[in-house]
Amino acid sequence: MKYYIFDLDDTLYKNPKDLNKMYDINPDTELINILNNCPYKKYIYTNATYDHANIILNKLKIQRLFKKIYSRDTIPSMKPNYQSVRDVENNIIFSENNKDNNFVFFDDLLPNLKTAKKRGWKTVWISPFYDSIRHDFIDYSFPDIKSCMMYCNKYDI
């Protein structure tokens, strides 16, 4: 079974630098449609709090598309800690009762992707610098989540 695991801030949406505007976001119909067309179970894995993740997902109108939120206040350690990645993986395996798993991880931060790659996850870097930096722990790179997901849906990443 394949599972898509998404970071939130600066991966699923662009976090504004002005913290006063952090929750001043609107639903994105294109993103909703792209995520709806993804056939795999989706999870959020963020170093933010659960409440922050829940607010953002609700504002974007995509909360129902994610099976669970893993956040700083729901798991014992945070990314890029190896134990954190292992805890998320084990929790998904346990809850899905399926040992044959394929994890695809979408994040904007290289240290998080590096750790996930060590666990055997497929890694996808979301960054405006996607085409200027190469590392062996990055499987795919895209400038934004929409172009990434359109590619993933088309080519079954």
Foldseek 3Di string as FASTA:
>chain_A
DEEEEEEDDLAQDDQDPPPVCRLVDAADVLSQVLLVLDPHAYEYAYQADPVSRCSVCVRNVNVVRHDYYHYNVNDPDHPPDLVSLVVVVVVVCVVVVHPDYAYEYEDQDDRNLQSNVVVVHAYEHADCCQPPDDDPSHPYYDPHNSVVSVVCSVVVD
